C-alpha atoms as a PDB file:
ATOM      1  CA  MET A   1      -3.195 -69.630 -14.959  1.00  0.00           C
ATOM      2  CA  HIS A   2      -3.305 -71.755 -18.113  1.00  0.00           C
ATOM      3  CA  ILE A   3      -4.204 -69.919 -21.346  1.00  0.00           C
ATOM      4  CA  LEU A   4      -4.643 -70.795 -24.986  1.00  0.00           C
ATOM      5  CA  LEU A   5      -2.809 -68.134 -27.006  1.00  0.00           C
ATOM      6  CA  VAL A   6      -3.733 -68.042 -30.688  1.00  0.00           C
ATOM      7  CA  TYR A   7      -0.905 -66.041 -32.244  1.00  0.00           C
ATOM      8  CA  ASN A   8      -0.857 -64.605 -35.755  1.00  0.00           C
ATOM      9  CA  PRO A   9       2.833 -64.186 -36.690  1.00  0.00           C
ATOM     10  CA  CYS A  10       1.861 -62.459 -39.956  1.00  0.00           C
ATOM     11  CA  ALA A  11      -0.004 -59.646 -38.163  1.00  0.00           C
ATOM     12  CA  ALA A  12       1.302 -56.105 -38.659  1.00  0.00           C
ATOM     13  CA  ASN A  13       2.911 -57.146 -41.933  1.00  0.00           C
ATOM     14  CA  GLY A  14       5.033 -59.773 -40.159  1.00  0.00           C
ATOM     15  CA  ARG A  15       6.180 -57.614 -37.272  1.00  0.00           C
ATOM     16  CA  ALA A  16       4.170 -59.729 -34.830  1.00  0.00           C
ATOM     17  CA  ALA A  17       6.571 -62.637 -35.389  1.00  0.00           C
ATOM     18  CA  ARG A  18       9.419 -60.523 -34.044  1.00  0.00           C
ATOM     19  CA  THR A  19       7.337 -59.661 -30.965  1.00  0.00           C
ATOM     20  CA  LEU A  20       6.736 -63.295 -29.995  1.00  0.00           C
ATOM     21  CA  PRO A  21       9.914 -63.764 -27.869  1.00  0.00           C
ATOM     22  CA  ARG A  22       8.966 -60.740 -25.758  1.00  0.00           C
ATOM     23  CA  VAL A  23       5.412 -62.064 -25.397  1.00  0.00           C
ATOM     24  CA  ARG A  24       6.758 -65.393 -24.129  1.00  0.00           C
ATOM     25  CA  GLU A  25       8.892 -63.584 -21.557  1.00  0.00           C
ATOM     26  CA  LEU A  26       5.987 -61.451 -20.348  1.00  0.00           C
ATOM     27  CA  LEU A  27       3.698 -64.459 -20.003  1.00  0.00           C
ATOM     28  CA  THR A  28       6.295 -66.349 -17.980  1.00  0.00           C
ATOM     29  CA  ALA A  29       6.954 -63.293 -15.789  1.00  0.00           C
ATOM     30  CA  GLY A  30       3.206 -63.009 -15.226  1.00  0.00           C
ATOM     31  CA  GLY A  31       3.059 -66.549 -13.910  1.00  0.00           C
ATOM     32  CA  MET A  32       1.088 -67.897 -16.864  1.00  0.00           C
ATOM     33  CA  ASP A  33       1.402 -71.304 -18.416  1.00  0.00           C
ATOM     34  CA  SER A  34       0.560 -70.706 -22.064  1.00  0.00           C
ATOM     35  CA  GLU A  35      -0.209 -73.086 -24.907  1.00  0.00           C
ATOM     36  CA  ILE A  36       0.720 -71.114 -28.027  1.00  0.00           C
ATOM     37  CA  VAL A  37      -0.673 -71.961 -31.456  1.00  0.00           C
ATOM     38  CA  LEU A  38       0.749 -70.043 -34.421  1.00  0.00           C
ATOM     39  CA  THR A  39      -1.803 -69.453 -37.154  1.00  0.00           C
ATOM     40  CA  GLU A  40      -0.806 -70.571 -40.639  1.00  0.00           C
ATOM     41  CA  ALA A  41      -3.494 -69.153 -42.948  1.00  0.00           C
ATOM     42  CA  PRO A  42      -6.774 -67.197 -42.944  1.00  0.00           C
ATOM     43  CA  GLY A  43      -9.431 -69.112 -41.018  1.00  0.00           C
ATOM     44  CA  HIS A  44      -6.896 -71.174 -39.038  1.00  0.00           C
ATOM     45  CA  ALA A  45      -7.576 -69.326 -35.771  1.00  0.00           C
ATOM     46  CA  THR A  46     -11.284 -70.124 -36.040  1.00  0.00           C
ATOM     47  CA  ARG A  47     -10.585 -73.805 -36.607  1.00  0.00           C
ATOM     48  CA  VAL A  48      -8.149 -73.983 -33.682  1.00  0.00           C
ATOM     49  CA  VAL A  49     -10.585 -72.520 -31.161  1.00  0.00           C
ATOM     50  CA  ARG A  50     -13.599 -74.373 -32.564  1.00  0.00           C
ATOM     51  CA  VAL A  51     -12.128 -77.801 -31.784  1.00  0.00           C
ATOM     52  CA  ALA A  52     -10.142 -76.936 -28.639  1.00  0.00           C
ATOM     53  CA  ASP A  53     -11.070 -78.389 -25.258  1.00  0.00           C
ATOM     54  CA  LEU A  54     -11.741 -75.025 -23.636  1.00  0.00           C
ATOM     55  CA  SER A  55     -12.349 -76.630 -20.243  1.00  0.00           C
ATOM     56  CA  ARG A  56      -8.551 -77.007 -19.972  1.00  0.00           C
ATOM     57  CA  PHE A  57      -7.943 -73.243 -20.065  1.00  0.00           C
ATOM     58  CA  ASP A  58      -8.479 -70.222 -17.840  1.00  0.00           C
ATOM     59  CA  GLY A  59      -8.495 -67.906 -20.850  1.00  0.00           C
ATOM     60  CA  VAL A  60      -8.430 -67.826 -24.647  1.00  0.00           C
ATOM     61  CA  VAL A  61      -6.322 -64.983 -26.045  1.00  0.00           C
ATOM     62  CA  ALA A  62      -6.035 -63.677 -29.613  1.00  0.00           C
ATOM     63  CA  ALA A  63      -2.682 -62.128 -30.521  1.00  0.00           C
ATOM     64  CA  GLY A  64      -2.881 -60.068 -33.691  1.00  0.00           C
ATOM     65  CA  GLY A  65      -5.181 -57.379 -35.046  1.00  0.00           C
ATOM     66  CA  ASP A  66      -8.962 -57.120 -35.255  1.00  0.00           C
ATOM     67  CA  GLY A  67      -9.052 -59.811 -37.938  1.00  0.00           C
ATOM     68  CA  THR A  68      -7.349 -62.347 -35.672  1.00  0.00           C
ATOM     69  CA  LEU A  69      -9.733 -61.490 -32.844  1.00  0.00           C
ATOM     70  CA  PHE A  70     -12.676 -61.887 -35.246  1.00  0.00           C
ATOM     71  CA  GLU A  71     -11.551 -65.408 -36.134  1.00  0.00           C
ATOM     72  CA  VAL A  72     -10.981 -66.392 -32.499  1.00  0.00           C
ATOM     73  CA  VAL A  73     -14.396 -65.060 -31.447  1.00  0.00           C
ATOM     74  CA  ASN A  74     -16.124 -67.069 -34.158  1.00  0.00           C
ATOM     75  CA  GLY A  75     -14.267 -70.247 -33.221  1.00  0.00           C
ATOM     76  CA  TYR A  76     -15.194 -69.543 -29.602  1.00  0.00           C
ATOM     77  CA  PHE A  77     -18.926 -69.389 -30.364  1.00  0.00           C
ATOM     78  CA  GLU A  78     -18.746 -72.421 -32.656  1.00  0.00           C
ATOM     79  CA  ASN A  79     -17.091 -74.496 -29.923  1.00  0.00           C
ATOM     80  CA  ARG A  80     -19.546 -77.060 -28.541  1.00  0.00           C
ATOM     81  CA  GLY A  81     -17.956 -77.390 -25.123  1.00  0.00           C
ATOM     82  CA  GLN A  82     -19.922 -76.604 -21.976  1.00  0.00           C
ATOM     83  CA  ARG A  83     -17.342 -74.232 -20.484  1.00  0.00           C
ATOM     84  CA  ARG A  84     -16.169 -70.996 -22.066  1.00  0.00           C
ATOM     85  CA  PRO A  85     -13.330 -69.202 -20.237  1.00  0.00           C
ATOM     86  CA  PRO A  86     -12.817 -65.434 -20.661  1.00  0.00           C
ATOM     87  CA  LEU A  87     -11.470 -64.063 -23.942  1.00  0.00           C
ATOM     88  CA  GLY A  88      -8.527 -61.705 -24.230  1.00  0.00           C
ATOM     89  CA  VAL A  89      -6.402 -59.897 -26.776  1.00  0.00           C
ATOM     90  CA  LEU A  90      -2.766 -58.956 -27.276  1.00  0.00           C
ATOM     91  CA  PRO A  91      -2.734 -55.980 -29.714  1.00  0.00           C
ATOM     92  CA  VAL A  92       0.168 -56.864 -32.017  1.00  0.00           C
ATOM     93  CA  GLY A  93      -1.629 -56.272 -35.338  1.00  0.00           C
ATOM     94  CA  THR A  94      -2.173 -53.393 -37.748  1.00  0.00           C
ATOM     95  CA  GLY A  95      -5.742 -52.564 -36.847  1.00  0.00           C
ATOM     96  CA  ASN A  96      -6.444 -52.791 -33.121  1.00  0.00           C
ATOM     97  CA  ALA A  97      -9.710 -50.872 -32.866  1.00  0.00           C
ATOM     98  CA  PHE A  98     -11.275 -53.157 -30.271  1.00  0.00           C
ATOM     99  CA  SER A  99      -8.147 -53.057 -28.109  1.00  0.00           C
ATOM    100  CA  ARG A 100      -8.156 -49.279 -28.297  1.00  0.00           C
ATOM    101  CA  ASP A 101     -11.736 -49.233 -27.055  1.00  0.00           C
ATOM    102  CA  ILE A 102     -10.750 -51.079 -23.867  1.00  0.00           C
ATOM    103  CA  GLY A 103      -7.738 -48.850 -23.302  1.00  0.00           C
ATOM    104  CA  LEU A 104      -5.028 -50.955 -24.943  1.00  0.00           C
ATOM    105  CA  GLY A 105      -3.247 -49.189 -27.785  1.00  0.00           C
ATOM    106  CA  THR A 106      -1.324 -50.946 -30.547  1.00  0.00           C
ATOM    107  CA  GLY A 107       1.710 -52.693 -29.085  1.00  0.00           C
ATOM    108  CA  ALA A 108       0.509 -52.424 -25.471  1.00  0.00           C
ATOM    109  CA  VAL A 109       1.442 -56.041 -24.897  1.00  0.00           C
ATOM    110  CA  GLY A 110       2.735 -55.556 -21.369  1.00  0.00           C
ATOM    111  CA  ALA A 111      -0.497 -53.917 -20.197  1.00  0.00           C
ATOM    112  CA  ALA A 112      -2.575 -56.613 -21.897  1.00  0.00           C
ATOM    113  CA  VAL A 113      -0.597 -59.439 -20.281  1.00  0.00           C
ATOM    114  CA  ASP A 114      -0.898 -57.734 -16.903  1.00  0.00           C
ATOM    115  CA  LEU A 115      -4.706 -57.591 -17.250  1.00  0.00           C
ATOM    116  CA  ILE A 116      -4.852 -61.279 -18.066  1.00  0.00           C
ATOM    117  CA  SER A 117      -2.443 -62.361 -15.338  1.00  0.00           C
ATOM    118  CA  ARG A 118      -4.459 -60.427 -12.754  1.00  0.00           C
ATOM    119  CA  GLY A 119      -7.685 -62.051 -13.966  1.00  0.00           C
ATOM    120  CA  HIS A 120      -9.368 -58.706 -14.690  1.00  0.00           C
ATOM    121  CA  HIS A 121     -12.376 -59.459 -16.884  1.00  0.00           C
ATOM    122  CA  ARG A 122     -15.908 -58.180 -17.364  1.00  0.00           C
ATOM    123  CA  PRO A 123     -18.956 -59.046 -19.505  1.00  0.00           C
ATOM    124  CA  ILE A 124     -19.222 -57.330 -22.882  1.00  0.00           C
ATOM    125  CA  ASP A 125     -21.677 -57.311 -25.777  1.00  0.00           C
ATOM    126  CA  VAL A 126     -21.215 -59.348 -28.941  1.00  0.00           C
ATOM    127  CA  GLY A 127     -22.694 -58.629 -32.363  1.00  0.00           C
ATOM    128  CA  ARG A 128     -24.240 -61.555 -34.228  1.00  0.00           C
ATOM    129  CA  PHE A 129     -25.037 -61.404 -37.933  1.00  0.00           C
ATOM    130  CA  THR A 130     -26.627 -63.808 -40.402  1.00  0.00           C
ATOM    131  CA  THR A 131     -25.779 -63.682 -44.100  1.00  0.00           C
ATOM    132  CA  ASP A 132     -26.033 -66.260 -46.891  1.00  0.00           C
ATOM    133  CA  GLY A 133     -27.673 -68.645 -44.426  1.00  0.00           C
ATOM    134  CA  GLN A 134     -24.699 -68.599 -42.039  1.00  0.00           C
ATOM    135  CA  THR A 135     -24.294 -66.962 -38.628  1.00  0.00           C
ATOM    136  CA  HIS A 136     -21.144 -65.201 -37.446  1.00  0.00           C
ATOM    137  CA  HIS A 137     -20.088 -62.940 -34.562  1.00  0.00           C
ATOM    138  CA  PHE A 138     -18.150 -59.688 -34.201  1.00  0.00           C
ATOM    139  CA  LEU A 139     -16.858 -57.542 -31.347  1.00  0.00           C
ATOM    140  CA  ASN A 140     -16.033 -54.331 -33.179  1.00  0.00           C
ATOM    141  CA  ILE A 141     -18.020 -53.322 -36.275  1.00  0.00           C
ATOM    142  CA  LEU A 142     -19.960 -54.540 -39.278  1.00  0.00           C
ATOM    143  CA  GLY A 143     -19.961 -52.276 -42.316  1.00  0.00           C
ATOM    144  CA  LEU A 144     -21.239 -52.258 -45.868  1.00  0.00           C
ATOM    145  CA  GLY A 145     -21.061 -49.905 -48.818  1.00  0.00           C
ATOM    146  CA  PHE A 146     -18.190 -47.461 -48.928  1.00  0.00           C
ATOM    147  CA  VAL A 147     -16.725 -48.675 -45.606  1.00  0.00           C
ATOM    148  CA  SER A 148     -16.494 -52.290 -46.756  1.00  0.00           C
ATOM    149  CA  ASP A 149     -14.913 -51.166 -50.025  1.00  0.00           C
ATOM    150  CA  VAL A 150     -12.366 -49.181 -47.999  1.00  0.00           C
ATOM    151  CA  GLY A 151     -11.729 -52.206 -45.759  1.00  0.00           C
ATOM    152  CA  GLU A 152     -11.096 -54.394 -48.777  1.00  0.00           C
ATOM    153  CA  ARG A 153      -8.717 -51.797 -50.231  1.00  0.00           C
ATOM    154  CA  ALA A 154      -6.956 -51.292 -46.865  1.00  0.00           C
ATOM    155  CA  GLY A 155      -6.360 -55.027 -46.615  1.00  0.00           C
ATOM    156  CA  ARG A 156      -4.089 -54.722 -49.627  1.00  0.00           C
ATOM    157  CA  LEU A 157      -2.221 -51.807 -48.021  1.00  0.00           C
ATOM    158  CA  LYS A 158      -1.483 -53.216 -44.562  1.00  0.00           C
ATOM    159  CA  GLN A 159       2.222 -52.614 -44.962  1.00  0.00           C
ATOM    160  CA  ILE A 160       1.625 -48.919 -44.213  1.00  0.00           C
ATOM    161  CA  GLY A 161      -0.158 -49.630 -40.910  1.00  0.00           C
ATOM    162  CA  ASN A 162      -3.193 -47.629 -39.766  1.00  0.00           C
ATOM    163  CA  LEU A 163      -2.622 -45.228 -42.629  1.00  0.00           C
ATOM    164  CA  SER A 164      -3.953 -47.996 -44.887  1.00  0.00           C
ATOM    165  CA  TYR A 165      -7.520 -47.029 -43.957  1.00  0.00           C
ATOM    166  CA  THR A 166      -6.955 -43.342 -44.611  1.00  0.00           C
ATOM    167  CA  VAL A 167      -5.354 -44.051 -47.982  1.00  0.00           C
ATOM    168  CA  GLY A 168      -8.145 -46.534 -48.731  1.00  0.00           C
ATOM    169  CA  VAL A 169     -10.760 -43.840 -48.149  1.00  0.00           C
ATOM    170  CA  LEU A 170      -9.050 -41.408 -50.510  1.00  0.00           C
ATOM    171  CA  LEU A 171      -8.649 -44.031 -53.244  1.00  0.00           C
ATOM    172  CA  GLU A 172     -12.249 -45.259 -52.971  1.00  0.00           C
ATOM    173  CA  LEU A 173     -13.574 -41.696 -53.278  1.00  0.00           C
ATOM    174  CA  VAL A 174     -12.569 -41.819 -56.945  1.00  0.00           C
ATOM    175  CA  SER A 175     -15.235 -44.449 -57.726  1.00  0.00           C
ATOM    176  CA  LEU A 176     -17.785 -43.287 -55.129  1.00  0.00           C
ATOM    177  CA  SER A 177     -21.450 -44.060 -55.807  1.00  0.00           C
ATOM    178  CA  SER A 178     -24.603 -44.352 -53.692  1.00  0.00           C
ATOM    179  CA  TYR A 179     -27.067 -47.255 -53.581  1.00  0.00           C
ATOM    180  CA  ARG A 180     -30.606 -47.865 -52.378  1.00  0.00           C
ATOM    181  CA  LEU A 181     -30.832 -49.270 -48.852  1.00  0.00           C
ATOM    182  CA  THR A 182     -33.763 -50.535 -46.797  1.00  0.00           C
ATOM    183  CA  ILE A 183     -32.944 -50.833 -43.109  1.00  0.00           C
ATOM    184  CA  GLU A 184     -35.187 -52.111 -40.336  1.00  0.00           C
ATOM    185  CA  ILE A 185     -34.133 -50.831 -36.910  1.00  0.00           C
ATOM    186  CA  ASP A 186     -35.982 -52.468 -34.019  1.00  0.00           C
ATOM    187  CA  GLY A 187     -39.095 -52.814 -36.172  1.00  0.00           C
ATOM    188  CA  GLU A 188     -38.999 -49.378 -37.836  1.00  0.00           C
ATOM    189  CA  VAL A 189     -38.299 -49.441 -41.581  1.00  0.00           C
ATOM    190  CA  LEU A 190     -36.298 -46.703 -43.339  1.00  0.00           C
ATOM    191  CA  GLU A 191     -35.561 -46.239 -47.050  1.00  0.00           C
ATOM    192  CA  ARG A 192     -32.348 -44.375 -47.879  1.00  0.00           C
ATOM    193  CA  GLU A 193     -30.075 -43.425 -50.745  1.00  0.00           C
ATOM    194  CA  ASN A 194     -26.923 -44.525 -48.992  1.00  0.00           C
ATOM    195  CA  ILE A 195     -23.129 -44.347 -49.252  1.00  0.00           C
ATOM    196  CA  PHE A 196     -22.285 -46.448 -46.211  1.00  0.00           C
ATOM    197  CA  CYS A 197     -23.814 -48.131 -43.201  1.00  0.00           C
ATOM    198  CA  GLU A 198     -21.683 -48.937 -40.155  1.00  0.00           C
ATOM    199  CA  ILE A 199     -22.986 -50.995 -37.242  1.00  0.00           C
ATOM    200  CA  SER A 200     -20.712 -50.480 -34.243  1.00  0.00           C
ATOM    201  CA  ASN A 201     -20.289 -52.268 -30.941  1.00  0.00           C
ATOM    202  CA  THR A 202     -17.205 -50.167 -30.186  1.00  0.00           C
ATOM    203  CA  ARG A 203     -16.385 -46.502 -30.637  1.00  0.00           C
ATOM    204  CA  TYR A 204     -13.438 -46.917 -32.981  1.00  0.00           C
ATOM    205  CA  THR A 205     -13.024 -48.253 -36.513  1.00  0.00           C
ATOM    206  CA  SER A 206      -9.260 -48.352 -37.062  1.00  0.00           C
ATOM    207  CA  ASN A 207      -8.253 -44.836 -35.955  1.00  0.00           C
ATOM    208  CA  PHE A 208     -11.655 -43.355 -36.891  1.00  0.00           C
ATOM    209  CA  LEU A 209     -13.983 -42.393 -34.032  1.00  0.00           C
ATOM    210  CA  MET A 210     -16.958 -43.800 -35.924  1.00  0.00           C
ATOM    211  CA  ALA A 211     -19.457 -44.142 -33.061  1.00  0.00           C
ATOM    212  CA  PRO A 212     -18.557 -41.700 -30.252  1.00  0.00           C
ATOM    213  CA  SER A 213     -21.373 -42.791 -27.920  1.00  0.00           C
ATOM    214  CA  ALA A 214     -21.034 -46.546 -28.448  1.00  0.00           C
ATOM    215  CA  SER A 215     -20.593 -48.788 -25.422  1.00  0.00           C
ATOM    216  CA  ILE A 216     -19.492 -52.426 -25.354  1.00  0.00           C
ATOM    217  CA  ASP A 217     -21.863 -53.367 -22.542  1.00  0.00           C
ATOM    218  CA  ASP A 218     -25.118 -51.393 -23.037  1.00  0.00           C
ATOM    219  CA  GLY A 219     -26.993 -54.070 -24.975  1.00  0.00           C
ATOM    220  CA  LEU A 220     -27.235 -51.875 -28.089  1.00  0.00           C
ATOM    221  CA  LEU A 221     -25.432 -51.481 -31.397  1.00  0.00           C
ATOM    222  CA  ASP A 222     -24.779 -48.019 -32.857  1.00  0.00           C
ATOM    223  CA  VAL A 223     -25.869 -47.517 -36.469  1.00  0.00           C
ATOM    224  CA  THR A 224     -24.242 -44.797 -38.586  1.00  0.00           C
ATOM    225  CA  LEU A 225     -25.757 -44.017 -41.985  1.00  0.00           C
ATOM    226  CA  LEU A 226     -24.106 -41.716 -44.506  1.00  0.00           C
ATOM    227  CA  GLY A 227     -26.529 -40.412 -47.121  1.00  0.00           C
ATOM    228  CA  LYS A 228     -25.805 -39.235 -50.633  1.00  0.00           C
ATOM    229  CA  ALA A 229     -23.067 -36.598 -50.852  1.00  0.00           C
ATOM    230  CA  SER A 230     -20.614 -35.307 -53.427  1.00  0.00           C
ATOM    231  CA  ARG A 231     -16.964 -36.336 -53.509  1.00  0.00           C
ATOM    232  CA  THR A 232     -15.940 -32.766 -52.771  1.00  0.00           C
ATOM    233  CA  ARG A 233     -18.238 -32.587 -49.749  1.00  0.00           C
ATOM    234  CA  LEU A 234     -16.926 -35.891 -48.361  1.00  0.00           C
ATOM    235  CA  LEU A 235     -13.320 -34.908 -48.918  1.00  0.00           C
ATOM    236  CA  ARG A 236     -13.847 -31.656 -47.024  1.00  0.00           C
ATOM    237  CA  CYS A 237     -15.622 -33.456 -44.182  1.00  0.00           C
ATOM    238  CA  PHE A 238     -13.272 -36.430 -43.990  1.00  0.00           C
ATOM    239  CA  PRO A 239     -11.133 -35.071 -41.084  1.00  0.00           C
ATOM    240  CA  THR A 240     -14.211 -34.988 -38.825  1.00  0.00           C
ATOM    241  CA  ILE A 241     -14.335 -38.792 -38.664  1.00  0.00           C
ATOM    242  CA  PHE A 242     -11.113 -38.804 -36.607  1.00  0.00           C
ATOM    243  CA  THR A 243     -12.778 -36.742 -33.858  1.00  0.00           C
ATOM    244  CA  GLY A 244     -16.346 -38.067 -34.060  1.00  0.00           C
ATOM    245  CA  GLU A 245     -17.689 -34.723 -35.268  1.00  0.00           C
ATOM    246  CA  HIS A 246     -19.000 -36.340 -38.463  1.00  0.00           C
ATOM    247  CA  ILE A 247     -22.186 -37.288 -36.584  1.00  0.00           C
ATOM    248  CA  HIS A 248     -23.190 -33.603 -36.741  1.00  0.00           C
ATOM    249  CA  LEU A 249     -23.228 -33.509 -40.533  1.00  0.00           C
ATOM    250  CA  ASP A 250     -26.567 -33.185 -42.341  1.00  0.00           C
ATOM    251  CA  GLU A 251     -25.761 -36.289 -44.390  1.00  0.00           C
ATOM    252  CA  VAL A 252     -25.234 -38.479 -41.311  1.00  0.00           C
ATOM    253  CA  GLU A 253     -27.868 -40.229 -39.202  1.00  0.00           C
ATOM    254  CA  THR A 254     -27.161 -42.253 -36.067  1.00  0.00           C
ATOM    255  CA  PHE A 255     -29.341 -44.733 -34.206  1.00  0.00           C
ATOM    256  CA  LYS A 256     -29.088 -47.265 -31.400  1.00  0.00           C
ATOM    257  CA  ALA A 257     -30.730 -50.649 -31.784  1.00  0.00           C
ATOM    258  CA  LYS A 258     -30.866 -54.239 -30.597  1.00  0.00           C
ATOM    259  CA  ARG A 259     -31.889 -55.747 -33.938  1.00  0.00           C
ATOM    260  CA  ILE A 260     -31.213 -54.592 -37.473  1.00  0.00           C
ATOM    261  CA  ARG A 261     -32.079 -55.965 -40.908  1.00  0.00           C
ATOM    262  CA  ILE A 262     -30.577 -54.543 -44.107  1.00  0.00           C
ATOM    263  CA  GLU A 263     -31.496 -55.082 -47.736  1.00  0.00           C
ATOM    264  CA  THR A 264     -29.886 -53.411 -50.763  1.00  0.00           C
ATOM    265  CA  THR A 265     -30.889 -53.231 -54.417  1.00  0.00           C
ATOM    266  CA  GLN A 266     -27.790 -55.234 -55.262  1.00  0.00           C
ATOM    267  CA  PRO A 267     -25.677 -57.394 -52.915  1.00  0.00           C
ATOM    268  CA  LYS A 268     -23.113 -55.357 -50.978  1.00  0.00           C
ATOM    269  CA  VAL A 269     -20.006 -56.933 -49.482  1.00  0.00           C
ATOM    270  CA  LEU A 270     -19.879 -56.966 -45.651  1.00  0.00           C
ATOM    271  CA  ALA A 271     -16.845 -55.979 -43.576  1.00  0.00           C
ATOM    272  CA  PRO A 272     -17.048 -57.403 -40.032  1.00  0.00           C
ATOM    273  CA  ASP A 273     -14.104 -56.314 -37.883  1.00  0.00           C
ATOM    274  CA  GLY A 274     -12.140 -55.259 -40.941  1.00  0.00           C
ATOM    275  CA  GLU A 275     -12.548 -58.599 -42.729  1.00  0.00           C
ATOM    276  CA  VAL A 276     -14.472 -59.146 -45.970  1.00  0.00           C
ATOM    277  CA  TYR A 277     -17.140 -61.683 -45.148  1.00  0.00           C
ATOM    278  CA  GLY A 278     -20.596 -62.283 -46.657  1.00  0.00           C
ATOM    279  CA  SER A 279     -22.981 -59.883 -48.371  1.00  0.00           C
ATOM    280  CA  SER A 280     -26.369 -58.229 -47.977  1.00  0.00           C
ATOM    281  CA  PRO A 281     -29.142 -58.922 -47.141  1.00  0.00           C
ATOM    282  CA  VAL A 282     -28.042 -59.281 -43.530  1.00  0.00           C
ATOM    283  CA  GLU A 283     -29.672 -59.549 -40.104  1.00  0.00           C
ATOM    284  CA  VAL A 284     -27.792 -58.266 -37.060  1.00  0.00           C
ATOM    285  CA  GLU A 285     -28.476 -58.381 -33.336  1.00  0.00           C
ATOM    286  CA  CYS A 286     -26.719 -57.458 -30.114  1.00  0.00           C
ATOM    287  CA  LEU A 287     -26.066 -60.255 -27.613  1.00  0.00           C
ATOM    288  CA  HIS A 288     -26.019 -58.391 -24.313  1.00  0.00           C
ATOM    289  CA  ARG A 289     -22.948 -59.162 -22.194  1.00  0.00           C
ATOM    290  CA  ALA A 290     -22.570 -62.498 -23.950  1.00  0.00           C
ATOM    291  CA  VAL A 291     -18.883 -63.047 -23.185  1.00  0.00           C
ATOM    292  CA  GLU A 292     -16.407 -62.362 -20.393  1.00  0.00           C
ATOM    293  CA  PHE A 293     -13.404 -60.416 -21.670  1.00  0.00           C
ATOM    294  CA  PHE A 294     -10.079 -59.566 -20.037  1.00  0.00           C
ATOM    295  CA  ALA A 295     -10.407 -55.784 -19.822  1.00  0.00           C
ATOM    296  CA  PRO A 296     -10.203 -52.932 -17.332  1.00  0.00           C
ATOM    297  CA  ARG A 297     -13.297 -51.819 -15.507  1.00  0.00           C
ATOM    298  CA  ALA A 298     -15.770 -49.818 -17.576  1.00  0.00           C
ATOM    299  CA  THR A 299     -14.470 -46.367 -18.476  1.00  0.00           C
ATOM    300  CA  GLN A 300     -16.577 -43.239 -18.298  1.00  0.00           C
ATOM    301  CA  HIS A 301     -17.882 -43.482 -21.844  1.00  0.00           C
ATOM    302  CA  THR A 302     -19.175 -47.010 -21.223  1.00  0.00           C
ATOM    303  CA  GLN A 303     -21.073 -45.899 -18.137  1.00  0.00           C
ATOM    304  CA  MET A 304     -23.146 -43.186 -19.775  1.00  0.00           C
ATOM    305  CA  SER A 305     -26.917 -43.440 -19.628  1.00  0.00           C
ATOM    306  CA  THR A 306     -28.316 -45.314 -22.604  1.00  0.00           C
ATOM    307  CA  PRO A 307     -29.965 -43.123 -25.274  1.00  0.00           C
ATOM    308  CA  SER A 308     -33.316 -44.294 -26.572  1.00  0.00           C
ATOM    309  CA  THR A 309     -33.504 -46.475 -29.681  1.00  0.00           C
ATOM    310  CA  LEU A 310     -35.441 -45.747 -32.850  1.00  0.00           C
ATOM    311  CA  ALA A 311     -38.692 -47.036 -31.409  1.00  0.00           C
ATOM    312  CA  GLY A 312     -41.319 -44.365 -31.845  1.00  0.00           C
ATOM    313  CA  ALA A 313     -39.468 -42.923 -34.881  1.00  0.00           C
ATOM    314  CA  SER A 314     -36.929 -41.193 -32.630  1.00  0.00           C
ATOM    315  CA  SER A 315     -33.348 -41.157 -33.873  1.00  0.00           C
ATOM    316  CA  SER A 316     -30.213 -39.605 -32.448  1.00  0.00           C
ATOM    317  CA  ARG A 317     -29.560 -37.649 -35.623  1.00  0.00           C
ATOM    318  CA  MET A 318     -27.711 -34.413 -34.931  1.00  0.00           C
ATOM    319  CA  PRO A 319     -28.437 -31.410 -37.181  1.00  0.00           C
ATOM    320  CA  GLY A 320     -25.353 -30.379 -39.080  1.00  0.00           C
ATOM    321  CA  SER A 321     -23.998 -26.894 -39.396  1.00  0.00           C
ATOM    322  CA  GLY A 322     -23.304 -27.369 -43.113  1.00  0.00           C
ATOM    323  CA  SER A 323     -20.058 -25.464 -42.717  1.00  0.00           C
ATOM    324  CA  LEU A 324     -17.558 -28.290 -42.212  1.00  0.00           C
END
């Protein structure tokens, strides 16, 4: 098996560089002939995959966190070649939310290499979004509002690992404010006073269980809206986002959709897969099973029956108890 491995040595605050010798050993032990490209700066991974002759490879693998995978995915879809081999990931970064969703925790390099060497892959959904006249792709999430502000803050705190997102939330609460949002979900238009909007393909955002019922192969994206709430209320409810219980709060609405359009009274920065990229207005759609990915067979939560979308003004909002 011949793979293109796009490796970010700066991932996990530089710890990924120290993991590279072990990765080489595991690849060799797995019988893989790997062509390794070390990324040198933001955007390099996208450029590498965009111009690569993908017909030469049996797989394209991103080694890093969600940001590295985001760059590789975008280079993959910008590549003009006729053949696209399966994608894969080695979770050696800080944020590995997508890896976690397919059963690979941070640092589970051995398990990831084993999946690739055995050729275990399956089709998964891809999110596509258009902003500022440009189109990009994501595998994990696309957020705006408070969540994108947290992502931007967390990017400056990566040296503390996954805690960077938790600390980012607490720091951003100090300057919390709502904004007016118009969102079109599969043709139905909603007006909201909003704090954040998260569009999820996966269940996890960092170590937050943002979208508990999300599935990476159901052809739908999960939308989570947080309405206006006080700082005190959000601080009290913050622990529920680790368990997914936040979806039961009165201030939270959840929907499933194929196509979404968002407008805000003032441009809001977007955070696809933890990166800061583009701004509202934005159009988003789910590309059903658009890419083969090295991953285990679907787990139980990805095999659940698909809830209905918003069509007919039906949402999956859960009444809150008001006591959290």
